[in-house]
Each structure stands twice: as C-alpha cells, then as structure tokens.
Amino acid sequence: MLFQSLLAWTAALASLGGAYAKLDLSSPNNVAVYWGQNSYRGSGNLAQQNLSYYCDDPNIDVLILAFVMRVNGAGGVPEYDFADTSKACPLFNGTNLPNCPQIGNDITTCQKKGKTVILSIGGATYSEGGFASDAAAQAGADLVWQTFGPPPVNSSSSSSSSSSTTTKPPLRPFGNASVDGFDFDFEATVNKMAPFANRLRALANTDPSKQYFLTAAPQCPYPDLADQEILNGPVSIDAVWVQFYNNPCGLTSFQPGQTTQPSFNFAQWDTWAKTVSQNKNVKVLVGAPANTGAAGSGYVSISQLQQVIQYARTFKSFGGVMLWDVTQAYGNPGYLSGIRSALTQSTSRIYHKFRFPAHPRPNFGVSCAMKYDTATIVDWTRPSQPSRRRATQPTNTSYFRAQDVDGTAYTARKSRVGHGLPSVPGAAGSLGPGGALVPVVRPTLSAGDPGAAAGPDVVGQRAVLETHTLTTEYPDWRAQLAAWDVAEGRR
C-alpha cells in the first residue's frame, strides 16, 4: 500500500538531520512573504531573484513558494509555476513539471539560515477544483508528499507473493530538498480538501526529523468560502495569513485608536481561532499588500500598518504579518524593515483593555505604567501628589507588588511582568473593587514626565482614561532612569 511505503520512507529520516524551521508559533513577531510570482515585474535587482537571495534578509522568517497549480497534472504529476525562475528549468519528460535542482539547493540554504520554506497550493490560476473522492484526495496528498516532502531513503521496489514489480521512483524537482510544510491558497471553492490536508498532516507526523506546518491564506470576509472546508474544524491548521485586502474588511477600513473596529475584522478571526479552529493555538497573521500595485485594493502605508499591528497585538492569536509578495516589498524600500520594527517594538505601544480598579473616593487620579511585556500596573494617587518619582533600582518588592496587582485586579487580560521598569508611585492610594472594562485610547508619551499620567474623576465603578503614558519606550530601563534624572536635575 502506498501509504505504508511512505511511512517506511519517513520512519528512517530522524538520522538525516535536525529541524531548521523558523516559523515560531509561540511568537507574535513572524514575518512571512510569498515568493514565486514576480508580481512587481521589475528589472535588475527588483526582478524576482533566486530564493536564496532573500534568505539573507533578517526581516523575513518564512518564505512561501507560490504556486503548485495542479496536483494531478500532465503525466500524472504535480505542476508548479515560479515565474521566470521555474521557466528556465527543463521539464521532466512527458510532464509539465519543471526540474529545478537549483531551487532545491536554495531551499536547503534558506533552511540552514533559519528560514521556514512552505509550498503553497492554489493561487489564481489553480483550476482543478479539488478531488472527486476522499480516496482521490488522499492519493493526491501522497503524490505531493513524494514530490516535495522528504526524499525516499532509497529507490524502493514492491513485491507480492504472486508478482514482482518495480515501483517507479517519484519525480523530485527539488532533488533531496524537503519543504517545511504546505499552504492552502484557494480563490474558489474546492472539493475534498479536508481529507487531502489531513493526509498531509498524517504523513508529516511520521517524520520526527523536523516540524512541518499546514497553513492557509483565506480572504478576510468570514467565513472564507474557498477555504472553509479546511478551516471549519476538521483540519489542524498551524497558522492562517488572512488577506486583509481587496475587501471591505481589509486594512483600509481600520480606524486608529478604536478598540472596537466596525469593519476591519481581525477580532472575528481571533474568535474563529478560539472557538472554531481545531487547533486552538493557531496563529492569525495580518496579510497585507507590500506595495501600491500588489493588490487591487487594500495597500496602506507603513505608518498605517504599524497602527494595525499595535491593535492586532492585543489578541492572543496574533502571529505577525504576511506580505504579498517579496518582489513588491523589495520595490518598496523600508516596508519590510518597518514591519519588523513595529513587531519588535510595539509591545510598549498597544491599544489595550484592562480591568480598571475603581477607587471608593472621587477626585483621585491614576498613574499607569505599561510593562515591556505588556503587563499593566495601575495605582491610584492624589492629583496633588503625582507619581513623578521612580525608584532608581527595580526592587523585588516592586516586582511582587506588580504581580499581586496583575493577579487580583486585572482579570480581563493577564500578562507576564518582566523586562520593564517597575512602577513605584510616590503616594499610592488603596485599590478599590474591580471596575468595568475600560479601553486605553490613543496612548501618548508625556513630554514632562514619562512615568505618570493623570486620569479623570471616578464615577461609581467606572473610569475612562483619556491619555496613557508608557514607561518602556526603551527596553533598557537603566538608560531611561538616567534620562529622567538628567531631565529632573538629579544628575
């Protein structure tokens, strides 16, 4: 049986090498880009380069090869199109499958440099419509695995008691290179994709040598009609890069400073991740056009995208940003690096909801400190005694106090405390009973005192904070303390 022979291939792979994959499913800072369609149509260095050219870019974690257009193509083998890169390769006899060992070398090079390389199936020119039956879908997955997954240990032969036949070795366009997973990017409804994806998952689970990923690229309207068979529960997906463009729910509908978005629907995809997805730890990445001409509509400037990232970070499922495509990004200098900067620095500039501790007496201000890891500490202080002084060293008491407050008052969103400057108010009032959920709107830096902000009076159990000051603009708290001391004449 073909599946059993595939298991025999993969059972011996643990000794062939370790895992290289860089896609970090525990991180919100992933950057994935599509490669293979040369959509920018530039010349020179702005034309599509070999895959390995982009693997030296520290702003890229995941490269998605686009696209496999047919699973069962001419000659009974898959077909793929990587624009000029694959057009330069000869075809295997009797097929439309380009034989591109250089791409295989590039895949291995990228993996050794810590990049994840995923092969995408679908695209605008995919026309197979899926499979006629579960058995056909599973056979298609076996074929894809043989062609692009780990190589067989040796040329296998099969025999039975009644006959002996030699199994034709699979055609492998990338030689012994193996991709790190498979992406589903369908523009129209396809049939029997759940059994296809589940067979790929089963095959991947037999290879202990590295981690494999299954991903999808739905459009932002929910539910996505093209991919819903995969996404509505039967398949364990590791990440989705939602295409927030070409639709009213896309990036251009995002309203900065609003914790509830009327049209931009990342929150709806976060709900899908928590309630519908088989994998409740699935990551949702914001998919964006990398340049003005990368999509029909939906491109936003890097400053606008940075605000979207700040908002999306408040959701547990957020996993980073996906760009279409790498040539468009390279034709738009600063876009990739701007995304990386926003992902790694925006933890101290987020739109954040937290449980606001209401004070039993009115006319009290509030001092807030946003930790580098997004933990929020709130202390009540009299307006006549603002919290303008900070401890010159973060004491253990400060950390314990922060953890106590986080554990008892902020039940809506708990975050780990660390890597930031502990807040030590000069005249703290007692914490009252927990109040209502209050959004922090439009966080800004205070020019005079980066460590204090005043809130309005408390009305019953509810208070609305109009401004919020962030104390961890700089990860190095010692440098920030020194700057405060100089500004206030203490040094």
Protein backbone atom coordinates (compact mmCIF):
# COMPACT_ATOMS: atom_id res chain seq x y z
CA MET A 1 0.00 0.00 0.00
CA LEU A 2 1.32 3.42 -0.96
CA PHE A 3 0.69 4.99 2.44
CA GLN A 4 2.60 2.18 4.17
CA SER A 5 5.54 2.63 1.81
CA LEU A 6 5.52 6.35 2.57
CA LEU A 7 5.64 5.55 6.27
CA ALA A 8 8.67 3.38 5.61
CA TRP A 9 10.38 6.33 3.92
CA THR A 10 9.81 8.72 6.75
CA ALA A 11 10.50 6.34 9.62
CA ALA A 12 14.23 6.44 8.86
CA LEU A 13 14.51 10.21 8.48
CA ALA A 14 15.40 11.13 12.06
CA SER A 15 19.03 10.36 11.38
CA LEU A 16 19.22 12.62 8.31
CA GLY A 17 19.34 15.99 10.05
CA GLY A 18 17.72 18.36 12.51
CA ALA A 19 14.93 20.88 12.21
CA TYR A 20 15.64 24.25 10.66
CA ALA A 21 12.15 25.80 10.68
CA LYS A 22 11.91 29.37 11.90
CA LEU A 23 8.14 29.95 11.98
CA ASP A 24 7.58 30.43 15.71
CA LEU A 25 4.04 29.51 16.72
CA SER A 26 4.60 30.96 20.19
CA SER A 27 5.56 34.39 18.87
CA PRO A 28 3.57 37.40 17.58
CA ASN A 29 6.57 38.62 15.58
CA ASN A 30 6.62 36.38 12.49
CA VAL A 31 7.08 37.88 9.03
CA ALA A 32 6.04 35.68 6.10
CA VAL A 33 6.37 36.63 2.42
CA TYR A 34 5.25 34.94 -0.77
CA TRP A 35 7.89 34.24 -3.43
CA GLY A 36 7.47 32.90 -6.94
CA GLN A 37 5.10 35.16 -8.89
CA ASN A 38 7.37 38.15 -9.58
CA SER A 39 4.33 40.40 -9.28
CA TYR A 40 6.35 43.63 -9.20
CA ARG A 41 7.68 42.92 -12.71
CA GLY A 42 10.80 44.96 -12.05
CA SER A 43 14.20 44.75 -13.68
CA GLY A 44 17.69 44.21 -12.32
CA ASN A 45 17.69 43.65 -8.57
CA LEU A 46 13.97 44.46 -8.48
CA ALA A 47 13.15 41.48 -10.68
CA GLN A 48 12.48 38.20 -8.88
CA GLN A 49 15.78 36.77 -7.67
CA ASN A 50 16.63 33.22 -6.71
CA LEU A 51 15.06 32.12 -3.46
CA SER A 52 18.37 32.14 -1.61
CA TYR A 53 18.81 35.86 -2.39
CA TYR A 54 16.04 36.70 0.07
CA CYS A 55 17.19 34.31 2.78
CA ASP A 56 19.88 36.71 3.96
CA ASP A 57 17.19 39.26 4.86
CA PRO A 58 16.78 39.39 8.67
CA ASN A 59 13.31 40.87 8.22
CA ILE A 60 11.96 37.63 6.73
CA ASP A 61 11.16 34.49 8.73
CA VAL A 62 9.00 32.48 6.33
CA LEU A 63 9.16 32.16 2.53
CA ILE A 64 6.04 30.76 0.87
CA LEU A 65 6.66 29.32 -2.61
CA ALA A 66 3.78 30.18 -4.95
CA PHE A 67 2.23 28.15 -6.51
CA VAL A 68 1.53 24.48 -7.18
CA MET A 69 -1.24 24.94 -9.77
CA ARG A 70 -2.16 21.29 -10.29
CA VAL A 71 -1.74 18.23 -8.09
CA ASN A 72 -2.54 15.76 -10.87
CA GLY A 73 -1.08 17.41 -13.95
CA ALA A 74 0.24 16.12 -17.24
CA GLY A 75 1.87 12.73 -16.83
CA GLY A 76 0.10 12.23 -13.50
CA VAL A 77 2.44 14.50 -11.53
CA PRO A 78 2.10 17.98 -9.99
CA GLU A 79 2.71 21.23 -11.84
CA TYR A 80 4.05 24.45 -10.37
CA ASP A 81 4.90 27.92 -11.65
CA PHE A 82 7.50 30.20 -10.06
CA ALA A 83 7.55 32.71 -12.93
CA ASP A 84 10.90 33.17 -14.69
CA THR A 85 12.72 31.09 -12.07
CA SER A 86 10.93 27.87 -13.00
CA LYS A 87 10.52 28.73 -16.69
CA ALA A 88 14.30 28.47 -17.01
CA CYS A 89 14.18 24.82 -15.89
CA PRO A 90 13.66 21.87 -18.28
CA LEU A 91 10.52 19.77 -17.94
CA PHE A 92 10.56 16.13 -16.90
CA ASN A 93 9.74 14.03 -19.98
CA GLY A 94 6.03 13.68 -20.62
CA THR A 95 5.08 16.21 -17.93
CA ASN A 96 4.73 19.91 -17.23
CA LEU A 97 6.80 19.56 -14.06
CA PRO A 98 9.93 21.78 -14.15
CA ASN A 99 13.09 20.04 -12.95
CA CYS A 100 14.77 22.77 -10.86
CA PRO A 101 17.54 21.36 -8.64
CA GLN A 102 18.81 24.92 -8.03
CA ILE A 103 15.57 25.72 -6.21
CA GLY A 104 16.21 22.65 -4.08
CA ASN A 105 19.68 23.96 -3.24
CA ASP A 106 18.13 27.32 -2.35
CA ILE A 107 15.57 25.67 -0.08
CA THR A 108 18.30 23.86 1.83
CA THR A 109 20.37 27.05 2.04
CA CYS A 110 17.44 29.02 3.41
CA GLN A 111 16.63 26.35 5.98
CA LYS A 112 20.21 26.32 7.19
CA LYS A 113 19.91 30.08 7.67
CA GLY A 114 16.91 29.58 9.92
CA LYS A 115 14.13 30.29 7.43
CA THR A 116 10.94 28.29 7.06
CA VAL A 117 10.11 27.36 3.46
CA ILE A 118 6.48 26.46 2.77
CA LEU A 119 4.98 25.37 -0.55
CA SER A 120 1.64 26.94 -1.46
CA ILE A 121 -1.03 25.06 -3.40
CA GLY A 122 -3.61 27.10 -5.27
CA GLY A 123 -3.38 30.66 -6.49
CA ALA A 124 -5.46 32.50 -9.05
CA THR A 125 -4.67 30.03 -11.85
CA TYR A 126 -5.48 26.85 -9.89
CA SER A 127 -8.31 25.16 -11.78
CA GLU A 128 -8.54 21.50 -10.65
CA GLY A 129 -11.42 22.17 -8.29
CA GLY A 130 -10.14 19.68 -5.74
CA PHE A 131 -10.80 15.94 -5.87
CA ALA A 132 -13.65 13.63 -6.78
CA SER A 133 -13.46 11.48 -3.62
CA ASP A 134 -11.72 11.09 -0.29
CA ALA A 135 -9.54 8.35 -1.78
CA ALA A 136 -8.50 10.61 -4.66
CA ALA A 137 -7.70 13.41 -2.21
CA GLN A 138 -5.55 11.13 -0.08
CA ALA A 139 -3.75 9.81 -3.15
CA GLY A 140 -3.12 13.42 -4.20
CA ALA A 141 -1.58 14.15 -0.81
CA ASP A 142 0.65 11.09 -1.14
CA LEU A 143 1.80 12.37 -4.52
CA VAL A 144 2.56 15.86 -3.19
CA TRP A 145 4.47 14.37 -0.26
CA GLN A 146 6.54 12.15 -2.56
CA THR A 147 7.31 15.07 -4.86
CA PHE A 148 8.08 17.87 -2.40
CA GLY A 149 8.41 16.24 1.02
CA PRO A 150 11.37 14.28 2.39
CA PRO A 151 13.12 12.06 -0.15
CA PRO A 152 12.81 8.28 -0.03
CA VAL A 153 15.70 6.61 1.74
CA ASN A 154 16.37 4.58 -1.41
CA SER A 155 14.69 3.63 -4.64
CA SER A 156 12.06 1.26 -3.38
CA SER A 157 10.64 -1.83 -5.00
CA SER A 158 7.49 -3.64 -4.05
CA SER A 159 6.69 -7.30 -4.41
CA SER A 160 3.96 -9.69 -3.50
CA SER A 161 3.64 -13.46 -3.37
CA SER A 162 2.04 -13.51 -6.80
CA SER A 163 4.12 -10.99 -8.72
CA SER A 164 7.12 -8.75 -8.55
CA THR A 165 7.10 -5.19 -9.87
CA THR A 166 9.48 -2.31 -9.61
CA THR A 167 7.97 0.89 -8.26
CA LYS A 168 8.84 3.86 -10.41
CA PRO A 169 10.79 6.38 -8.31
CA PRO A 170 8.97 9.68 -7.80
CA LEU A 171 9.95 12.71 -9.81
CA ARG A 172 11.55 15.20 -7.44
CA PRO A 173 12.05 18.65 -9.00
CA PHE A 174 13.95 19.94 -5.97
CA GLY A 175 16.19 16.91 -5.54
CA ASN A 176 16.60 15.82 -1.92
CA ALA A 177 15.34 19.13 -0.51
CA SER A 178 12.14 19.00 1.50
CA VAL A 179 9.84 21.92 2.15
CA ASP A 180 8.77 22.67 5.73
CA GLY A 181 5.07 22.47 5.09
CA PHE A 182 2.17 23.25 2.80
CA ASP A 183 -0.04 26.29 2.38
CA PHE A 184 -3.60 26.32 1.00
CA ASP A 185 -4.39 29.45 -1.01
CA PHE A 186 -7.59 28.88 -2.96
CA GLU A 187 -9.52 31.63 -4.72
CA ALA A 188 -12.61 29.48 -5.38
CA THR A 189 -14.37 26.61 -3.65
CA VAL A 190 -12.54 23.28 -3.94
CA ASN A 191 -13.72 19.78 -3.09
CA LYS A 192 -12.35 17.21 -0.65
CA MET A 193 -9.59 19.41 0.69
CA ALA A 194 -10.07 18.24 4.29
CA PRO A 195 -9.03 14.61 3.55
CA PHE A 196 -6.19 15.97 1.40
CA ALA A 197 -4.90 18.20 4.21
CA ASN A 198 -5.38 15.56 6.89
CA ARG A 199 -3.36 13.02 4.90
CA LEU A 200 -0.54 15.55 4.58
CA ARG A 201 -0.72 16.07 8.35
CA ALA A 202 -0.59 12.31 8.95
CA LEU A 203 2.44 11.97 6.69
CA ALA A 204 4.19 14.89 8.37
CA ASN A 205 3.60 13.32 11.77
CA THR A 206 5.59 10.26 10.71
CA ASP A 207 8.76 12.31 10.19
CA PRO A 208 10.43 13.09 13.53
CA SER A 209 13.38 14.89 11.93
CA LYS A 210 11.69 18.30 11.90
CA GLN A 211 8.44 20.17 12.36
CA TYR A 212 6.08 20.56 9.42
CA PHE A 213 3.40 23.23 9.11
CA LEU A 214 -0.01 23.43 7.49
CA THR A 215 -1.16 26.98 6.75
CA ALA A 216 -3.91 28.72 4.81
CA ALA A 217 -4.46 32.12 3.23
CA PRO A 218 -8.17 32.94 3.47
CA GLN A 219 -9.61 36.26 2.40
CA CYS A 220 -10.85 38.40 5.28
CA PRO A 221 -14.65 38.03 4.84
CA TYR A 222 -15.72 35.42 7.37
CA PRO A 223 -16.34 32.62 6.74
CA ASP A 224 -13.98 32.35 3.78
CA LEU A 225 -15.90 30.39 1.17
CA ALA A 226 -12.88 28.99 -0.65
CA ASP A 227 -11.11 27.59 2.42
CA GLN A 228 -14.00 26.92 4.79
CA GLU A 229 -13.82 23.13 4.38
CA ILE A 230 -10.30 23.25 5.83
CA LEU A 231 -10.94 25.99 8.38
CA ASN A 232 -14.28 25.00 9.89
CA GLY A 233 -12.82 22.37 12.21
CA PRO A 234 -11.78 19.08 10.57
CA VAL A 235 -8.14 20.04 9.95
CA SER A 236 -5.49 21.17 12.44
CA ILE A 237 -4.01 24.31 10.88
CA ASP A 238 -0.91 25.93 12.40
CA ALA A 239 -1.32 29.45 11.02
CA VAL A 240 -3.53 31.49 8.72
CA TRP A 241 -2.33 34.57 6.90
CA VAL A 242 -5.61 36.36 6.35
CA GLN A 243 -5.71 38.50 3.21
CA PHE A 244 -6.85 41.84 4.63
CA TYR A 245 -7.09 43.42 1.19
CA ASN A 246 -9.41 43.52 -1.84
CA ASN A 247 -12.37 43.52 0.56
CA PRO A 248 -14.26 45.99 2.81
CA CYS A 249 -12.92 44.17 5.89
CA GLY A 250 -9.35 44.99 4.87
CA LEU A 251 -6.62 47.26 6.17
CA THR A 252 -8.04 50.44 4.66
CA SER A 253 -11.11 50.10 6.89
CA PHE A 254 -9.03 50.12 10.09
CA GLN A 255 -9.85 53.06 12.38
CA PRO A 256 -6.84 54.07 14.52
CA GLY A 257 -7.45 54.36 18.23
CA GLN A 258 -10.68 52.37 18.22
CA THR A 259 -10.69 49.25 20.36
CA THR A 260 -13.83 48.06 18.56
CA GLN A 261 -13.48 48.06 14.79
CA PRO A 262 -16.73 48.33 12.78
CA SER A 263 -15.30 46.87 9.54
CA PHE A 264 -11.72 45.65 9.99
CA ASN A 265 -12.44 42.16 11.31
CA PHE A 266 -9.29 40.78 12.92
CA ALA A 267 -11.39 40.28 16.08
CA GLN A 268 -13.68 37.93 14.15
CA TRP A 269 -10.73 35.84 13.05
CA ASP A 270 -9.47 35.77 16.64
CA THR A 271 -12.87 34.41 17.66
CA TRP A 272 -12.55 31.77 14.93
CA ALA A 273 -9.15 30.79 16.34
CA LYS A 274 -10.55 30.36 19.84
CA THR A 275 -13.87 28.69 19.07
CA VAL A 276 -13.95 27.07 15.61
CA SER A 277 -10.40 26.09 14.69
CA GLN A 278 -9.44 22.54 15.64
CA ASN A 279 -6.10 23.94 16.79
CA LYS A 280 -6.98 26.49 19.48
CA ASN A 281 -3.38 27.76 19.42
CA VAL A 282 -3.49 28.62 15.72
CA LYS A 283 -1.77 31.89 14.80
CA VAL A 284 -3.54 34.58 12.77
CA LEU A 285 -1.23 36.80 10.72
CA VAL A 286 -2.26 40.08 9.13
CA GLY A 287 -1.90 39.68 5.38
CA ALA A 288 -1.02 42.90 3.56
CA PRO A 289 -0.05 44.05 0.06
CA ALA A 290 3.62 45.02 0.10
CA ASN A 291 3.27 47.86 -2.40
CA THR A 292 0.68 50.04 -4.10
CA GLY A 293 0.33 47.69 -7.06
CA ALA A 294 0.46 44.40 -5.17
CA ALA A 295 -3.33 44.04 -4.92
CA GLY A 296 -6.44 45.50 -6.47
CA SER A 297 -7.04 47.48 -3.28
CA GLY A 298 -6.00 47.48 0.34
CA TYR A 299 -2.45 48.82 0.41
CA VAL A 300 -1.67 51.05 3.40
CA SER A 301 1.47 52.99 4.30
CA ILE A 302 3.93 51.57 6.80
CA SER A 303 2.76 54.07 9.44
CA GLN A 304 -0.83 52.89 8.97
CA LEU A 305 0.19 49.23 9.06
CA GLN A 306 2.13 49.85 12.26
CA GLN A 307 -1.09 51.08 13.89
CA VAL A 308 -2.87 47.93 12.72
CA ILE A 309 -0.09 45.85 14.26
CA GLN A 310 -0.45 47.70 17.57
CA TYR A 311 -4.15 46.87 17.59
CA ALA A 312 -3.78 43.24 16.47
CA ARG A 313 -1.17 42.57 19.16
CA THR A 314 -3.88 42.79 21.80
CA PHE A 315 -5.33 39.48 20.56
CA LYS A 316 -3.83 36.22 21.76
CA SER A 317 -3.97 34.64 18.30
CA PHE A 318 -1.92 37.37 16.58
CA GLY A 319 1.15 35.85 14.96
CA GLY A 320 2.70 38.58 12.83
CA VAL A 321 2.42 39.85 9.26
CA MET A 322 2.27 38.22 5.82
CA LEU A 323 3.17 40.16 2.68
CA TRP A 324 2.25 39.67 -0.96
CA ASP A 325 4.83 39.43 -2.35
CA VAL A 326 8.60 39.68 -1.85
CA THR A 327 9.28 41.48 -5.14
CA GLN A 328 6.68 44.11 -4.23
CA ALA A 329 8.33 44.50 -0.83
CA TYR A 330 11.76 44.98 -2.36
CA GLY A 331 10.27 47.56 -4.71
CA ASN A 332 9.00 49.47 -1.66
CA PRO A 333 12.16 50.27 0.37
CA GLY A 334 11.65 50.38 4.13
CA TYR A 335 8.38 48.45 4.18
CA LEU A 336 9.80 45.13 5.36
CA SER A 337 12.11 46.73 7.91
CA GLY A 338 9.27 48.95 9.12
CA ILE A 339 7.14 45.88 9.79
CA ARG A 340 9.95 44.19 11.68
CA SER A 341 10.46 47.32 13.76
CA ALA A 342 6.75 47.56 14.53
CA LEU A 343 6.56 43.92 15.56
CA THR A 344 9.55 44.04 17.89
CA GLN A 345 8.98 47.49 19.40
CA SER A 346 5.23 47.90 19.59
CA THR A 347 4.83 45.88 22.78
CA SER A 348 5.08 49.21 24.63
CA ARG A 349 2.64 50.99 22.31
CA ILE A 350 -0.53 48.96 22.23
CA TYR A 351 -4.24 49.60 22.35
CA HIS A 352 -5.08 47.73 25.50
CA LYS A 353 -8.12 46.82 27.56
CA PHE A 354 -7.71 46.06 31.23
CA ARG A 355 -9.75 45.73 34.39
CA PHE A 356 -9.75 49.18 35.92
CA PRO A 357 -9.66 49.24 39.76
CA ALA A 358 -12.19 51.88 40.85
CA HIS A 359 -11.33 53.87 43.98
CA PRO A 360 -14.07 54.33 46.64
CA ARG A 361 -13.50 58.11 46.68
CA PRO A 362 -13.80 60.52 43.75
CA ASN A 363 -11.24 63.13 42.69
CA PHE A 364 -8.37 60.68 42.51
CA GLY A 365 -6.02 60.46 39.57
CA VAL A 366 -4.44 57.34 38.22
CA SER A 367 -0.82 56.54 37.42
CA CYS A 368 -0.18 53.82 34.87
CA ALA A 369 2.93 52.00 33.74
CA MET A 370 2.92 49.73 30.69
CA LYS A 371 5.49 46.98 31.02
CA TYR A 372 7.67 45.88 28.11
CA ASP A 373 5.86 42.53 28.09
CA THR A 374 2.51 44.37 28.07
CA ALA A 375 1.63 43.88 31.74
CA THR A 376 -0.27 46.93 33.00
CA ILE A 377 0.08 48.24 36.56
CA VAL A 378 -2.42 50.82 37.80
CA ASP A 379 -2.15 52.70 41.10
CA TRP A 380 -4.43 55.40 42.48
CA THR A 381 -2.72 58.61 43.61
CA ARG A 382 -3.93 62.01 44.78
CA PRO A 383 -3.66 64.60 41.98
CA SER A 384 -1.68 66.83 44.35
CA GLN A 385 0.94 64.11 44.65
CA PRO A 386 1.56 62.81 41.12
CA SER A 387 3.83 59.82 40.68
CA ARG A 388 6.79 61.68 39.22
CA ARG A 389 9.47 59.83 41.14
CA ARG A 390 10.64 56.36 40.32
CA ALA A 391 12.90 54.01 42.20
CA THR A 392 16.47 54.11 40.96
CA GLN A 393 16.58 50.31 41.01
CA PRO A 394 13.77 47.78 40.42
CA THR A 395 13.41 46.14 43.82
CA ASN A 396 11.95 42.72 44.49
CA THR A 397 9.12 44.43 46.34
CA SER A 398 8.24 46.31 43.17
CA TYR A 399 8.00 43.13 41.14
CA PHE A 400 5.98 41.29 43.78
CA ARG A 401 3.63 44.22 44.07
CA ALA A 402 3.17 44.31 40.30
CA GLN A 403 2.39 40.64 40.20
CA ASP A 404 -0.09 40.96 43.03
CA VAL A 405 -1.93 43.77 41.29
CA ASP A 406 -1.94 41.91 37.99
CA GLY A 407 -3.25 38.77 39.61
CA THR A 408 -6.02 40.36 41.66
CA ALA A 409 -7.25 43.35 39.70
CA TYR A 410 -6.74 42.61 36.03
CA THR A 411 -8.75 39.52 35.38
CA ALA A 412 -9.65 40.55 31.83
CA ARG A 413 -6.14 40.23 30.44
CA LYS A 414 -3.19 38.80 32.32
CA SER A 415 0.31 39.35 31.02
CA ARG A 416 3.69 38.32 32.33
CA VAL A 417 5.56 41.04 34.19
CA GLY A 418 9.17 41.48 33.25
CA HIS A 419 11.76 43.25 31.16
CA GLY A 420 10.28 46.61 32.02
CA LEU A 421 10.69 49.27 34.65
CA PRO A 422 8.63 48.58 37.79
CA SER A 423 6.34 51.44 38.74
CA VAL A 424 6.81 52.76 42.29
CA PRO A 425 4.31 55.62 42.80
CA GLY A 426 5.23 58.26 45.33
CA ALA A 427 1.87 58.29 47.11
CA ALA A 428 -0.29 55.34 46.24
CA GLY A 429 -3.90 55.16 47.33
CA SER A 430 -5.64 51.93 48.20
CA LEU A 431 -7.11 49.87 45.41
CA GLY A 432 -10.86 49.67 45.33
CA PRO A 433 -13.11 46.96 43.96
CA GLY A 434 -12.70 45.93 40.35
CA GLY A 435 -14.42 48.24 37.90
CA ALA A 436 -15.58 47.95 34.31
CA LEU A 437 -13.52 47.13 31.28
CA VAL A 438 -12.06 50.40 30.07
CA PRO A 439 -10.16 50.90 26.81
CA VAL A 440 -6.95 52.86 26.81
CA VAL A 441 -7.36 55.18 23.84
CA ARG A 442 -4.59 56.73 21.80
CA PRO A 443 -1.59 56.11 24.07
CA THR A 444 0.82 59.05 24.02
CA LEU A 445 4.14 59.88 25.59
CA SER A 446 4.22 62.58 28.24
CA ALA A 447 6.93 65.10 27.45
CA GLY A 448 7.45 66.26 31.01
CA ASP A 449 7.27 63.01 32.90
CA PRO A 450 7.42 59.67 31.08
CA GLY A 451 6.29 57.88 34.21
CA ALA A 452 2.98 59.47 35.16
CA ALA A 453 -0.38 60.25 33.64
CA ALA A 454 -3.49 61.73 35.19
CA GLY A 455 -6.91 60.22 34.72
CA PRO A 456 -10.33 61.83 35.24
CA ASP A 457 -12.51 61.51 38.32
CA VAL A 458 -14.08 58.20 39.09
CA VAL A 459 -17.82 57.88 38.54
CA GLY A 460 -19.10 54.94 40.51
CA GLN A 461 -17.27 51.83 39.38
CA ARG A 462 -16.22 53.23 36.00
CA ALA A 463 -13.38 55.46 34.89
CA VAL A 464 -12.22 56.40 31.42
CA LEU A 465 -8.55 57.07 30.85
CA GLU A 466 -8.07 59.64 28.10
CA THR A 467 -4.28 59.56 27.95
CA HIS A 468 -1.82 56.88 28.80
CA THR A 469 1.92 57.22 29.32
CA LEU A 470 4.23 54.34 28.51
CA THR A 471 7.28 53.79 30.68
CA THR A 472 9.06 51.30 28.46
CA GLU A 473 9.73 53.15 25.27
CA TYR A 474 13.30 51.96 25.76
CA PRO A 475 13.92 48.30 26.70
CA ASP A 476 16.97 49.43 28.72
CA TRP A 477 15.34 50.79 31.89
CA ARG A 478 18.68 51.96 33.31
CA ALA A 479 19.18 54.33 30.37
CA GLN A 480 15.64 55.61 30.81
CA LEU A 481 16.16 56.24 34.51
CA ALA A 482 19.33 58.17 33.75
CA ALA A 483 17.44 60.30 31.23
CA TRP A 484 14.75 61.07 33.81
CA ASP A 485 17.36 62.01 36.40
CA VAL A 486 19.04 64.41 33.99
CA ALA A 487 15.72 65.94 32.98
CA GLU A 488 14.67 66.49 36.60
CA GLY A 489 18.04 67.85 37.73
CA ARG A 490 19.05 64.89 39.88
CA ARG A 491 22.22 64.35 37.81
